[in-house]
Amino acid sequence: MDINPKDLAKVAVVVQQGYAPLDIAVPQQVFGHWPDYVTTSWPGGGAPYELSLVSPIAAENALVPREVEPLDRLDTAHTVIVAGVEDPTDPPDPELVQRLGDAYARGSRMVSICNGAFALAAAGILDGRNATTHWHWARLLRDRYPSIKVREAELYVEDTGVFTSAGILAGTDLCLHLLRLDHGQAAANTMARFLVSPPHREGGQAQFIEHIPPSGDSEITDVITWILGHLDEPLTLESVSRHSHMSTRTLRRKFRIVTGTSVMNWVAMQRVARARELLETTRLGVDEIAHRCGFGSAESLRIHFTAMTRTSPSRYRRTFAS
């Protein structure tokens, strides 16, 4: 996985008629101007991206932000993010569809948040690909574009340079994932702390399709906090269950409702995330990092790390080490 962050600096966020404001606000925060709190930990100073809002709607229109620019700004964008709209049953602007297809043909990284996937689909970018959207619109996307392999249960999906996400919170996860791909775990962690976002969620975790989880289950919040403080220990479902004073069955059920995944899968993801940061910010050897992250051996770390990042620890360090 060869990464050249300089090739991804220019980001264009597409604002369509009837846009969803939050779908625009999150990429503006992650890829736009970074406040001093964030830039103090960024070695290059300032933000690493140049962000533009582009729209087929005239800037004078009161229905769009005043700073929107014409669609021709897509011609120079390295990353194109299509925000969602209130009603994706309305066909997207024909010129926008054409310019999205042109951007993709030039090799731009294509991204959608929520039902912004419909615009990518209209441009033929999702043909034959795995993709996702908000669960409410997944069936319509599948019916309207049968060549798309709609994975409605997932938070976000990557398929050969094209990224799609579910609702706005999943869009936040995807934006942080893109930042992590470009500039490493430490940068993504800093931005997540600024956004007061929960720990990173992998794209394969489930959307909450029918059962809306309680907002802030204090028991599971306490369990998560405890796990993060004990990642270097040989955690098991049973040991976490004992600490939580819940049966393993209850713990499994509650943990999946809140996080969308199993206890031990979540533990493995957090261990890899910690390994990423140690590889970036320290000179520790892989054996010591494996010990500090609770993998038990360098080989176990390599197996989990490669499965989740599609690259080796040594190659990741060469790319992102400060």
C-alpha atoms as a PDB file:
ATOM      1  CA  MET A   1       0.000   0.000   0.000  1.00  0.00           C
ATOM      2  CA  ASP A   2       1.914   3.031  -1.271  1.00  0.00           C
ATOM      3  CA  ILE A   3       0.639   6.279   0.207  1.00  0.00           C
ATOM      4  CA  ASN A   4       1.546   9.742  -1.052  1.00  0.00           C
ATOM      5  CA  PRO A   5      -0.412  12.245   1.055  1.00  0.00           C
ATOM      6  CA  LYS A   6       0.716  15.162  -1.134  1.00  0.00           C
ATOM      7  CA  ASP A   7      -1.406  13.717  -3.938  1.00  0.00           C
ATOM      8  CA  LEU A   8      -4.542  13.964  -1.795  1.00  0.00           C
ATOM      9  CA  ALA A   9      -4.330  17.576  -0.587  1.00  0.00           C
ATOM     10  CA  LYS A  10      -7.138  19.180  -2.603  1.00  0.00           C
ATOM     11  CA  VAL A  11     -10.581  18.126  -1.367  1.00  0.00           C
ATOM     12  CA  ALA A  12     -13.880  19.158  -2.945  1.00  0.00           C
ATOM     13  CA  VAL A  13     -17.171  18.651  -1.102  1.00  0.00           C
ATOM     14  CA  VAL A  14     -20.212  18.569  -3.380  1.00  0.00           C
ATOM     15  CA  VAL A  15     -23.252  20.536  -2.193  1.00  0.00           C
ATOM     16  CA  GLN A  16     -26.413  19.463  -4.020  1.00  0.00           C
ATOM     17  CA  GLN A  17     -29.928  20.874  -4.005  1.00  0.00           C
ATOM     18  CA  GLY A  18     -31.589  19.908  -0.711  1.00  0.00           C
ATOM     19  CA  TYR A  19     -28.259  19.090   0.922  1.00  0.00           C
ATOM     20  CA  ALA A  20     -28.007  17.760   4.468  1.00  0.00           C
ATOM     21  CA  PRO A  21     -26.026  20.379   6.459  1.00  0.00           C
ATOM     22  CA  LEU A  22     -24.331  17.891   8.800  1.00  0.00           C
ATOM     23  CA  ASP A  23     -23.064  15.874   5.842  1.00  0.00           C
ATOM     24  CA  ILE A  24     -21.114  18.975   4.835  1.00  0.00           C
ATOM     25  CA  ALA A  25     -20.074  20.120   8.304  1.00  0.00           C
ATOM     26  CA  VAL A  26     -18.073  16.999   9.168  1.00  0.00           C
ATOM     27  CA  PRO A  27     -15.824  16.951   6.059  1.00  0.00           C
ATOM     28  CA  GLN A  28     -15.375  20.712   6.472  1.00  0.00           C
ATOM     29  CA  GLN A  29     -14.048  20.104   9.971  1.00  0.00           C
ATOM     30  CA  VAL A  30     -11.797  17.183   9.064  1.00  0.00           C
ATOM     31  CA  PHE A  31     -10.447  18.454   5.731  1.00  0.00           C
ATOM     32  CA  GLY A  32     -10.871  22.218   6.103  1.00  0.00           C
ATOM     33  CA  HIS A  33      -9.332  24.739   8.487  1.00  0.00           C
ATOM     34  CA  TRP A  34      -7.824  23.106  11.560  1.00  0.00           C
ATOM     35  CA  PRO A  35      -7.973  25.039  14.856  1.00  0.00           C
ATOM     36  CA  ASP A  36      -4.783  25.703  16.813  1.00  0.00           C
ATOM     37  CA  TYR A  37      -5.545  22.825  19.184  1.00  0.00           C
ATOM     38  CA  VAL A  38      -5.187  20.385  16.300  1.00  0.00           C
ATOM     39  CA  THR A  39      -2.340  22.026  14.382  1.00  0.00           C
ATOM     40  CA  THR A  40      -0.044  22.081  17.420  1.00  0.00           C
ATOM     41  CA  SER A  41       0.365  18.320  16.987  1.00  0.00           C
ATOM     42  CA  TRP A  42       0.713  18.527  13.195  1.00  0.00           C
ATOM     43  CA  PRO A  43       4.416  18.641  12.192  1.00  0.00           C
ATOM     44  CA  GLY A  44       3.788  20.536   8.957  1.00  0.00           C
ATOM     45  CA  GLY A  45       1.939  23.428  10.600  1.00  0.00           C
ATOM     46  CA  GLY A  46      -1.540  24.404   9.478  1.00  0.00           C
ATOM     47  CA  ALA A  47      -3.922  21.913   7.883  1.00  0.00           C
ATOM     48  CA  PRO A  48      -2.746  19.319   5.347  1.00  0.00           C
ATOM     49  CA  TYR A  49      -5.720  19.821   3.027  1.00  0.00           C
ATOM     50  CA  GLU A  50      -7.195  22.542   0.810  1.00  0.00           C
ATOM     51  CA  LEU A  51     -10.977  22.275   0.934  1.00  0.00           C
ATOM     52  CA  SER A  52     -13.561  23.730  -1.445  1.00  0.00           C
ATOM     53  CA  LEU A  53     -17.343  23.513  -1.434  1.00  0.00           C
ATOM     54  CA  VAL A  54     -18.606  23.063  -4.992  1.00  0.00           C
ATOM     55  CA  SER A  55     -22.166  23.064  -6.244  1.00  0.00           C
ATOM     56  CA  PRO A  56     -24.279  23.073  -9.400  1.00  0.00           C
ATOM     57  CA  ILE A  57     -26.379  25.736  -7.630  1.00  0.00           C
ATOM     58  CA  ALA A  58     -25.332  29.370  -8.032  1.00  0.00           C
ATOM     59  CA  ALA A  59     -23.570  30.864  -5.032  1.00  0.00           C
ATOM     60  CA  GLU A  60     -26.166  33.651  -4.955  1.00  0.00           C
ATOM     61  CA  ASN A  61     -28.857  31.088  -4.135  1.00  0.00           C
ATOM     62  CA  ALA A  62     -29.911  31.418  -0.502  1.00  0.00           C
ATOM     63  CA  LEU A  63     -30.266  27.626  -0.271  1.00  0.00           C
ATOM     64  CA  VAL A  64     -26.509  26.960  -0.372  1.00  0.00           C
ATOM     65  CA  PRO A  65     -23.553  28.234   1.688  1.00  0.00           C
ATOM     66  CA  ARG A  66     -22.166  31.538   0.408  1.00  0.00           C
ATOM     67  CA  GLU A  67     -18.687  30.125  -0.141  1.00  0.00           C
ATOM     68  CA  VAL A  68     -19.683  27.518  -2.749  1.00  0.00           C
ATOM     69  CA  GLU A  69     -17.692  27.495  -5.973  1.00  0.00           C
ATOM     70  CA  PRO A  70     -18.560  26.331  -9.503  1.00  0.00           C
ATOM     71  CA  LEU A  71     -18.372  22.674 -10.483  1.00  0.00           C
ATOM     72  CA  ASP A  72     -15.213  23.236 -12.518  1.00  0.00           C
ATOM     73  CA  ARG A  73     -13.278  23.148  -9.245  1.00  0.00           C
ATOM     74  CA  LEU A  74     -13.780  19.378  -9.423  1.00  0.00           C
ATOM     75  CA  ASP A  75     -11.285  19.366 -12.302  1.00  0.00           C
ATOM     76  CA  THR A  76      -8.379  19.829  -9.881  1.00  0.00           C
ATOM     77  CA  ALA A  77      -9.684  17.936  -6.835  1.00  0.00           C
ATOM     78  CA  HIS A  78      -7.730  14.928  -5.621  1.00  0.00           C
ATOM     79  CA  THR A  79     -10.544  13.795  -3.328  1.00  0.00           C
ATOM     80  CA  VAL A  80     -14.224  14.375  -4.162  1.00  0.00           C
ATOM     81  CA  ILE A  81     -16.771  13.986  -1.357  1.00  0.00           C
ATOM     82  CA  VAL A  82     -20.476  13.944  -2.282  1.00  0.00           C
ATOM     83  CA  ALA A  83     -22.631  14.922   0.679  1.00  0.00           C
ATOM     84  CA  GLY A  84     -26.103  13.532   1.227  1.00  0.00           C
ATOM     85  CA  VAL A  85     -29.434  15.183   0.461  1.00  0.00           C
ATOM     86  CA  GLU A  86     -32.856  15.142   2.067  1.00  0.00           C
ATOM     87  CA  ASP A  87     -34.473  13.263  -0.819  1.00  0.00           C
ATOM     88  CA  PRO A  88     -32.254  11.158  -3.096  1.00  0.00           C
ATOM     89  CA  THR A  89     -35.230  10.131  -5.234  1.00  0.00           C
ATOM     90  CA  ASP A  90     -34.739  13.417  -7.107  1.00  0.00           C
ATOM     91  CA  PRO A  91     -32.216  12.839  -9.917  1.00  0.00           C
ATOM     92  CA  PRO A  92     -28.878  14.610  -9.443  1.00  0.00           C
ATOM     93  CA  ASP A  93     -27.881  17.534 -11.627  1.00  0.00           C
ATOM     94  CA  PRO A  94     -26.774  16.251 -15.087  1.00  0.00           C
ATOM     95  CA  GLU A  95     -23.669  18.453 -15.212  1.00  0.00           C
ATOM     96  CA  LEU A  96     -22.660  17.234 -11.761  1.00  0.00           C
ATOM     97  CA  VAL A  97     -23.044  13.617 -12.879  1.00  0.00           C
ATOM     98  CA  GLN A  98     -20.824  14.278 -15.883  1.00  0.00           C
ATOM     99  CA  ARG A  99     -18.145  16.029 -13.832  1.00  0.00           C
ATOM    100  CA  LEU A 100     -18.142  13.282 -11.205  1.00  0.00           C
ATOM    101  CA  GLY A 101     -17.515  10.749 -13.954  1.00  0.00           C
ATOM    102  CA  ASP A 102     -14.714  12.920 -15.357  1.00  0.00           C
ATOM    103  CA  ALA A 103     -13.099  13.260 -11.911  1.00  0.00           C
ATOM    104  CA  TYR A 104     -13.207   9.516 -11.424  1.00  0.00           C
ATOM    105  CA  ALA A 105     -11.706   8.928 -14.882  1.00  0.00           C
ATOM    106  CA  ARG A 106      -8.834  11.266 -13.964  1.00  0.00           C
ATOM    107  CA  GLY A 107      -8.105   9.154 -10.887  1.00  0.00           C
ATOM    108  CA  SER A 108      -9.650  11.278  -8.125  1.00  0.00           C
ATOM    109  CA  ARG A 109     -10.546   9.492  -4.901  1.00  0.00           C
ATOM    110  CA  MET A 110     -14.357   9.356  -4.842  1.00  0.00           C
ATOM    111  CA  VAL A 111     -16.286   9.459  -1.562  1.00  0.00           C
ATOM    112  CA  SER A 112     -19.945   9.666  -0.595  1.00  0.00           C
ATOM    113  CA  ILE A 113     -21.600  10.385   2.728  1.00  0.00           C
ATOM    114  CA  CYS A 114     -25.030   8.919   3.408  1.00  0.00           C
ATOM    115  CA  ASN A 115     -27.213   8.950   0.292  1.00  0.00           C
ATOM    116  CA  GLY A 116     -24.637  10.942  -1.658  1.00  0.00           C
ATOM    117  CA  ALA A 117     -23.975   7.464  -3.062  1.00  0.00           C
ATOM    118  CA  PHE A 118     -26.887   8.030  -5.463  1.00  0.00           C
ATOM    119  CA  ALA A 119     -24.907  10.717  -7.305  1.00  0.00           C
ATOM    120  CA  LEU A 120     -21.875   8.424  -7.600  1.00  0.00           C
ATOM    121  CA  ALA A 121     -24.187   5.678  -8.826  1.00  0.00           C
ATOM    122  CA  ALA A 122     -25.754   7.956 -11.426  1.00  0.00           C
ATOM    123  CA  ALA A 123     -22.253   8.656 -12.757  1.00  0.00           C
ATOM    124  CA  GLY A 124     -21.618   4.910 -13.122  1.00  0.00           C
ATOM    125  CA  ILE A 125     -18.823   5.015 -10.548  1.00  0.00           C
ATOM    126  CA  LEU A 126     -20.387   2.330  -8.355  1.00  0.00           C
ATOM    127  CA  ASP A 127     -21.168  -0.129 -11.156  1.00  0.00           C
ATOM    128  CA  GLY A 128     -20.023  -3.601 -10.134  1.00  0.00           C
ATOM    129  CA  ARG A 129     -18.681  -2.300  -6.827  1.00  0.00           C
ATOM    130  CA  ASN A 130     -19.441  -2.929  -3.184  1.00  0.00           C
ATOM    131  CA  ALA A 131     -21.040   0.163  -1.665  1.00  0.00           C
ATOM    132  CA  THR A 132     -23.252   1.276   1.187  1.00  0.00           C
ATOM    133  CA  THR A 133     -25.654   4.079   2.038  1.00  0.00           C
ATOM    134  CA  HIS A 134     -28.052   4.906   4.853  1.00  0.00           C
ATOM    135  CA  TRP A 135     -30.126   1.818   5.598  1.00  0.00           C
ATOM    136  CA  HIS A 136     -33.364   3.700   4.879  1.00  0.00           C
ATOM    137  CA  TRP A 137     -32.304   4.206   1.239  1.00  0.00           C
ATOM    138  CA  ALA A 138     -30.420   0.944   0.682  1.00  0.00           C
ATOM    139  CA  ARG A 139     -33.270  -0.904  -1.024  1.00  0.00           C
ATOM    140  CA  LEU A 140     -33.909   2.006  -3.384  1.00  0.00           C
ATOM    141  CA  LEU A 141     -30.211   2.139  -4.300  1.00  0.00           C
ATOM    142  CA  ARG A 142     -30.229  -1.609  -4.985  1.00  0.00           C
ATOM    143  CA  ASP A 143     -33.432  -1.446  -7.041  1.00  0.00           C
ATOM    144  CA  ARG A 144     -32.406   1.592  -9.057  1.00  0.00           C
ATOM    145  CA  TYR A 145     -28.845   0.378  -9.727  1.00  0.00           C
ATOM    146  CA  PRO A 146     -28.902  -3.441  -9.669  1.00  0.00           C
ATOM    147  CA  SER A 147     -25.236  -3.744 -10.678  1.00  0.00           C
ATOM    148  CA  ILE A 148     -24.143  -2.272  -7.319  1.00  0.00           C
ATOM    149  CA  LYS A 149     -23.394  -4.768  -4.540  1.00  0.00           C
ATOM    150  CA  VAL A 150     -25.161  -2.887  -1.756  1.00  0.00           C
ATOM    151  CA  ARG A 151     -23.822  -3.770   1.702  1.00  0.00           C
ATOM    152  CA  GLU A 152     -26.449  -2.007   3.747  1.00  0.00           C
ATOM    153  CA  ALA A 153     -25.348  -3.364   7.121  1.00  0.00           C
ATOM    154  CA  GLU A 154     -21.908  -1.712   7.106  1.00  0.00           C
ATOM    155  CA  LEU A 155     -20.799   1.698   8.306  1.00  0.00           C
ATOM    156  CA  TYR A 156     -18.582   2.408   5.334  1.00  0.00           C
ATOM    157  CA  VAL A 157     -17.174   0.460   2.425  1.00  0.00           C
ATOM    158  CA  GLU A 158     -13.972   0.857   0.420  1.00  0.00           C
ATOM    159  CA  ASP A 159     -13.757  -0.697  -3.033  1.00  0.00           C
ATOM    160  CA  THR A 160     -10.670   0.093  -5.118  1.00  0.00           C
ATOM    161  CA  GLY A 161     -10.400   3.779  -4.357  1.00  0.00           C
ATOM    162  CA  VAL A 162     -14.123   4.487  -4.027  1.00  0.00           C
ATOM    163  CA  PHE A 163     -15.484   5.042  -0.519  1.00  0.00           C
ATOM    164  CA  THR A 164     -19.143   5.103   0.553  1.00  0.00           C
ATOM    165  CA  SER A 165     -20.622   5.562   4.011  1.00  0.00           C
ATOM    166  CA  ALA A 166     -23.946   5.208   5.778  1.00  0.00           C
ATOM    167  CA  GLY A 167     -25.489   8.035   7.854  1.00  0.00           C
ATOM    168  CA  ILE A 168     -23.662  11.119   9.111  1.00  0.00           C
ATOM    169  CA  LEU A 169     -22.028   9.433  12.115  1.00  0.00           C
ATOM    170  CA  ALA A 170     -20.725   6.738   9.792  1.00  0.00           C
ATOM    171  CA  GLY A 171     -19.582   9.592   7.541  1.00  0.00           C
ATOM    172  CA  THR A 172     -17.549  10.886  10.484  1.00  0.00           C
ATOM    173  CA  ASP A 173     -15.956   7.456  10.837  1.00  0.00           C
ATOM    174  CA  LEU A 174     -15.146   7.451   7.134  1.00  0.00           C
ATOM    175  CA  CYS A 175     -13.617  10.947   7.191  1.00  0.00           C
ATOM    176  CA  LEU A 176     -11.406   9.934  10.125  1.00  0.00           C
ATOM    177  CA  HIS A 177     -10.509   6.741   8.253  1.00  0.00           C
ATOM    178  CA  LEU A 178      -9.419   8.775   5.212  1.00  0.00           C
ATOM    179  CA  LEU A 179      -7.374  11.092   7.429  1.00  0.00           C
ATOM    180  CA  ARG A 180      -5.746   8.040   8.979  1.00  0.00           C
ATOM    181  CA  LEU A 181      -4.953   6.583   5.554  1.00  0.00           C
ATOM    182  CA  ASP A 182      -3.381   9.877   4.463  1.00  0.00           C
ATOM    183  CA  HIS A 183      -1.557  11.007   7.596  1.00  0.00           C
ATOM    184  CA  GLY A 184      -1.567   8.191  10.132  1.00  0.00           C
ATOM    185  CA  GLN A 185      -3.251   7.157  13.339  1.00  0.00           C
ATOM    186  CA  ALA A 186      -1.896  10.011  15.464  1.00  0.00           C
ATOM    187  CA  ALA A 187      -3.450  12.673  13.206  1.00  0.00           C
ATOM    188  CA  ALA A 188      -6.774  10.801  13.181  1.00  0.00           C
ATOM    189  CA  ASN A 189      -6.691  10.441  16.967  1.00  0.00           C
ATOM    190  CA  THR A 190      -6.054  14.171  17.406  1.00  0.00           C
ATOM    191  CA  MET A 191      -8.980  15.058  15.144  1.00  0.00           C
ATOM    192  CA  ALA A 192     -11.233  12.499  16.847  1.00  0.00           C
ATOM    193  CA  ARG A 193     -10.455  14.066  20.220  1.00  0.00           C
ATOM    194  CA  PHE A 194     -11.267  17.505  18.827  1.00  0.00           C
ATOM    195  CA  LEU A 195     -14.581  16.226  17.430  1.00  0.00           C
ATOM    196  CA  VAL A 196     -15.239  14.424  20.737  1.00  0.00           C
ATOM    197  CA  SER A 197     -15.781  11.362  18.593  1.00  0.00           C
ATOM    198  CA  PRO A 198     -15.862   7.855  20.070  1.00  0.00           C
ATOM    199  CA  PRO A 199     -12.958   5.472  19.394  1.00  0.00           C
ATOM    200  CA  HIS A 200     -12.503   4.629  15.730  1.00  0.00           C
ATOM    201  CA  ARG A 201     -15.000   2.196  14.233  1.00  0.00           C
ATOM    202  CA  GLU A 202     -13.974  -0.008  11.336  1.00  0.00           C
ATOM    203  CA  GLY A 203     -16.168   0.082   8.250  1.00  0.00           C
ATOM    204  CA  GLY A 204     -17.292  -3.517   8.586  1.00  0.00           C
ATOM    205  CA  GLN A 205     -19.170  -2.828  11.801  1.00  0.00           C
ATOM    206  CA  ALA A 206     -22.926  -2.908  11.535  1.00  0.00           C
ATOM    207  CA  GLN A 207     -25.310  -0.027  11.040  1.00  0.00           C
ATOM    208  CA  PHE A 208     -28.064   0.163  13.670  1.00  0.00           C
ATOM    209  CA  ILE A 209     -30.772  -0.700  11.209  1.00  0.00           C
ATOM    210  CA  GLU A 210     -33.822  -1.536  13.297  1.00  0.00           C
ATOM    211  CA  HIS A 211     -32.821  -1.168  16.922  1.00  0.00           C
ATOM    212  CA  ILE A 212     -31.647   2.308  17.885  1.00  0.00           C
ATOM    213  CA  PRO A 213     -29.170   1.907  20.776  1.00  0.00           C
ATOM    214  CA  PRO A 214     -29.498   3.890  23.985  1.00  0.00           C
ATOM    215  CA  SER A 215     -27.516   7.130  23.885  1.00  0.00           C
ATOM    216  CA  GLY A 216     -24.760   6.577  26.382  1.00  0.00           C
ATOM    217  CA  ASP A 217     -24.978   3.175  28.077  1.00  0.00           C
ATOM    218  CA  SER A 218     -22.926   3.959  31.199  1.00  0.00           C
ATOM    219  CA  GLU A 219     -22.149   0.293  31.877  1.00  0.00           C
ATOM    220  CA  ILE A 220     -20.626  -0.242  28.437  1.00  0.00           C
ATOM    221  CA  THR A 221     -18.893   3.159  28.557  1.00  0.00           C
ATOM    222  CA  ASP A 222     -17.212   2.038  31.773  1.00  0.00           C
ATOM    223  CA  VAL A 223     -16.243  -1.280  30.174  1.00  0.00           C
ATOM    224  CA  ILE A 224     -14.744   0.475  27.148  1.00  0.00           C
ATOM    225  CA  THR A 225     -12.757   2.842  29.375  1.00  0.00           C
ATOM    226  CA  TRP A 226     -11.453  -0.082  31.409  1.00  0.00           C
ATOM    227  CA  ILE A 227     -10.464  -2.069  28.302  1.00  0.00           C
ATOM    228  CA  LEU A 228      -8.536   0.878  26.870  1.00  0.00           C
ATOM    229  CA  GLY A 229      -6.589   1.091  30.116  1.00  0.00           C
ATOM    230  CA  HIS A 230      -5.740  -2.625  30.068  1.00  0.00           C
ATOM    231  CA  LEU A 231      -4.974  -3.365  26.423  1.00  0.00           C
ATOM    232  CA  ASP A 232      -1.528  -4.668  27.359  1.00  0.00           C
ATOM    233  CA  GLU A 233      -3.093  -7.429  29.437  1.00  0.00           C
ATOM    234  CA  PRO A 234      -4.270 -10.860  28.151  1.00  0.00           C
ATOM    235  CA  LEU A 235      -7.935  -9.903  27.942  1.00  0.00           C
ATOM    236  CA  THR A 236     -10.616 -12.515  27.333  1.00  0.00           C
ATOM    237  CA  LEU A 237     -14.386 -12.297  27.121  1.00  0.00           C
ATOM    238  CA  GLU A 238     -14.532 -13.920  30.540  1.00  0.00           C
ATOM    239  CA  SER A 239     -12.105 -11.466  32.182  1.00  0.00           C
ATOM    240  CA  VAL A 240     -13.964  -8.471  30.735  1.00  0.00           C
ATOM    241  CA  SER A 241     -17.232 -10.020  31.873  1.00  0.00           C
ATOM    242  CA  ARG A 242     -15.947 -10.433  35.415  1.00  0.00           C
ATOM    243  CA  HIS A 243     -14.828  -6.807  35.533  1.00  0.00           C
ATOM    244  CA  SER A 244     -18.182  -5.590  34.183  1.00  0.00           C
ATOM    245  CA  HIS A 245     -20.181  -7.695  36.676  1.00  0.00           C
ATOM    246  CA  MET A 246     -22.280  -8.905  33.753  1.00  0.00           C
ATOM    247  CA  SER A 247     -22.727 -12.381  32.394  1.00  0.00           C
ATOM    248  CA  THR A 248     -20.891 -13.036  29.128  1.00  0.00           C
ATOM    249  CA  ARG A 249     -24.238 -13.256  27.350  1.00  0.00           C
ATOM    250  CA  THR A 250     -25.412  -9.875  28.646  1.00  0.00           C
ATOM    251  CA  LEU A 251     -22.038  -8.294  27.931  1.00  0.00           C
ATOM    252  CA  ARG A 252     -22.039  -9.599  24.356  1.00  0.00           C
ATOM    253  CA  ARG A 253     -25.547  -8.279  23.727  1.00  0.00           C
ATOM    254  CA  LYS A 254     -25.040  -4.828  25.238  1.00  0.00           C
ATOM    255  CA  PHE A 255     -21.588  -4.362  23.739  1.00  0.00           C
ATOM    256  CA  ARG A 256     -22.802  -5.149  20.227  1.00  0.00           C
ATOM    257  CA  ILE A 257     -25.754  -2.771  20.581  1.00  0.00           C
ATOM    258  CA  VAL A 258     -23.430   0.113  21.498  1.00  0.00           C
ATOM    259  CA  THR A 259     -20.412  -0.635  19.284  1.00  0.00           C
ATOM    260  CA  GLY A 260     -21.864  -2.727  16.477  1.00  0.00           C
ATOM    261  CA  THR A 261     -19.284  -5.470  16.941  1.00  0.00           C
ATOM    262  CA  SER A 262     -18.153  -8.148  19.388  1.00  0.00           C
ATOM    263  CA  VAL A 263     -16.072  -7.498  22.496  1.00  0.00           C
ATOM    264  CA  MET A 264     -12.940  -9.286  21.316  1.00  0.00           C
ATOM    265  CA  ASN A 265     -13.101  -7.902  17.779  1.00  0.00           C
ATOM    266  CA  TRP A 266     -13.300  -4.415  19.250  1.00  0.00           C
ATOM    267  CA  VAL A 267     -10.348  -5.181  21.528  1.00  0.00           C
ATOM    268  CA  ALA A 268      -8.290  -6.324  18.533  1.00  0.00           C
ATOM    269  CA  MET A 269      -9.146  -3.132  16.624  1.00  0.00           C
ATOM    270  CA  GLN A 270      -8.092  -0.938  19.558  1.00  0.00           C
ATOM    271  CA  ARG A 271      -4.840  -2.870  19.924  1.00  0.00           C
ATOM    272  CA  VAL A 272      -4.036  -2.304  16.263  1.00  0.00           C
ATOM    273  CA  ALA A 273      -4.922   1.388  16.632  1.00  0.00           C
ATOM    274  CA  ARG A 274      -2.513   1.676  19.556  1.00  0.00           C
ATOM    275  CA  ALA A 275       0.148  -0.166  17.590  1.00  0.00           C
ATOM    276  CA  ARG A 276      -0.291   2.318  14.734  1.00  0.00           C
ATOM    277  CA  GLU A 277       0.343   5.239  17.059  1.00  0.00           C
ATOM    278  CA  LEU A 278       3.385   3.634  18.684  1.00  0.00           C
ATOM    279  CA  LEU A 279       4.833   2.842  15.262  1.00  0.00           C
ATOM    280  CA  GLU A 280       4.372   6.480  14.262  1.00  0.00           C
ATOM    281  CA  THR A 281       5.556   8.210  17.416  1.00  0.00           C
ATOM    282  CA  THR A 282       8.217   5.958  19.002  1.00  0.00           C
ATOM    283  CA  ARG A 283      11.321   3.991  18.058  1.00  0.00           C
ATOM    284  CA  LEU A 284      10.146   0.913  19.963  1.00  0.00           C
ATOM    285  CA  GLY A 285      10.781  -2.437  18.301  1.00  0.00           C
ATOM    286  CA  VAL A 286       7.901  -4.552  17.041  1.00  0.00           C
ATOM    287  CA  ASP A 287       8.353  -7.025  19.927  1.00  0.00           C
ATOM    288  CA  GLU A 288       7.974  -4.271  22.528  1.00  0.00           C
ATOM    289  CA  ILE A 289       5.004  -2.737  20.707  1.00  0.00           C
ATOM    290  CA  ALA A 290       3.343  -6.151  20.556  1.00  0.00           C
ATOM    291  CA  HIS A 291       3.838  -6.495  24.331  1.00  0.00           C
ATOM    292  CA  ARG A 292       2.468  -3.009  25.071  1.00  0.00           C
ATOM    293  CA  CYS A 293      -0.596  -3.634  22.905  1.00  0.00           C
ATOM    294  CA  GLY A 294      -1.400  -7.031  24.391  1.00  0.00           C
ATOM    295  CA  PHE A 295      -0.713  -9.169  21.314  1.00  0.00           C
ATOM    296  CA  GLY A 296       1.705 -11.446  23.167  1.00  0.00           C
ATOM    297  CA  SER A 297       4.120 -11.812  20.251  1.00  0.00           C
ATOM    298  CA  ALA A 298       5.404  -9.892  17.259  1.00  0.00           C
ATOM    299  CA  GLU A 299       3.934 -12.540  14.972  1.00  0.00           C
ATOM    300  CA  SER A 300       0.455 -12.095  16.450  1.00  0.00           C
ATOM    301  CA  LEU A 301       0.789  -8.331  16.003  1.00  0.00           C
ATOM    302  CA  ARG A 302       1.837  -8.738  12.362  1.00  0.00           C
ATOM    303  CA  ILE A 303      -1.090 -11.044  11.610  1.00  0.00           C
ATOM    304  CA  HIS A 304      -3.717  -8.725  13.135  1.00  0.00           C
ATOM    305  CA  PHE A 305      -2.056  -5.566  11.846  1.00  0.00           C
ATOM    306  CA  THR A 306      -1.838  -6.829   8.274  1.00  0.00           C
ATOM    307  CA  ALA A 307      -5.429  -8.110   8.331  1.00  0.00           C
ATOM    308  CA  MET A 308      -6.785  -4.724   9.417  1.00  0.00           C
ATOM    309  CA  THR A 309      -4.486  -2.326   7.563  1.00  0.00           C
ATOM    310  CA  ARG A 310      -3.406  -4.350   4.529  1.00  0.00           C
ATOM    311  CA  THR A 311       0.204  -3.447   5.151  1.00  0.00           C
ATOM    312  CA  SER A 312       2.968  -4.625   7.492  1.00  0.00           C
ATOM    313  CA  PRO A 313       4.031  -2.822  10.693  1.00  0.00           C
ATOM    314  CA  SER A 314       7.459  -2.030   9.225  1.00  0.00           C
ATOM    315  CA  ARG A 315       6.027  -0.572   6.047  1.00  0.00           C
ATOM    316  CA  TYR A 316       3.467   1.421   8.003  1.00  0.00           C
ATOM    317  CA  ARG A 317       6.263   2.881  10.124  1.00  0.00           C
ATOM    318  CA  ARG A 318       8.282   3.875   7.061  1.00  0.00           C
ATOM    319  CA  THR A 319       5.241   5.732   5.745  1.00  0.00           C
ATOM    320  CA  PHE A 320       4.058   7.536   8.871  1.00  0.00           C
ATOM    321  CA  ALA A 321       6.910   7.744  11.392  1.00  0.00           C
ATOM    322  CA  SER A 322       7.446  11.327  12.535  1.00  0.00           C
END
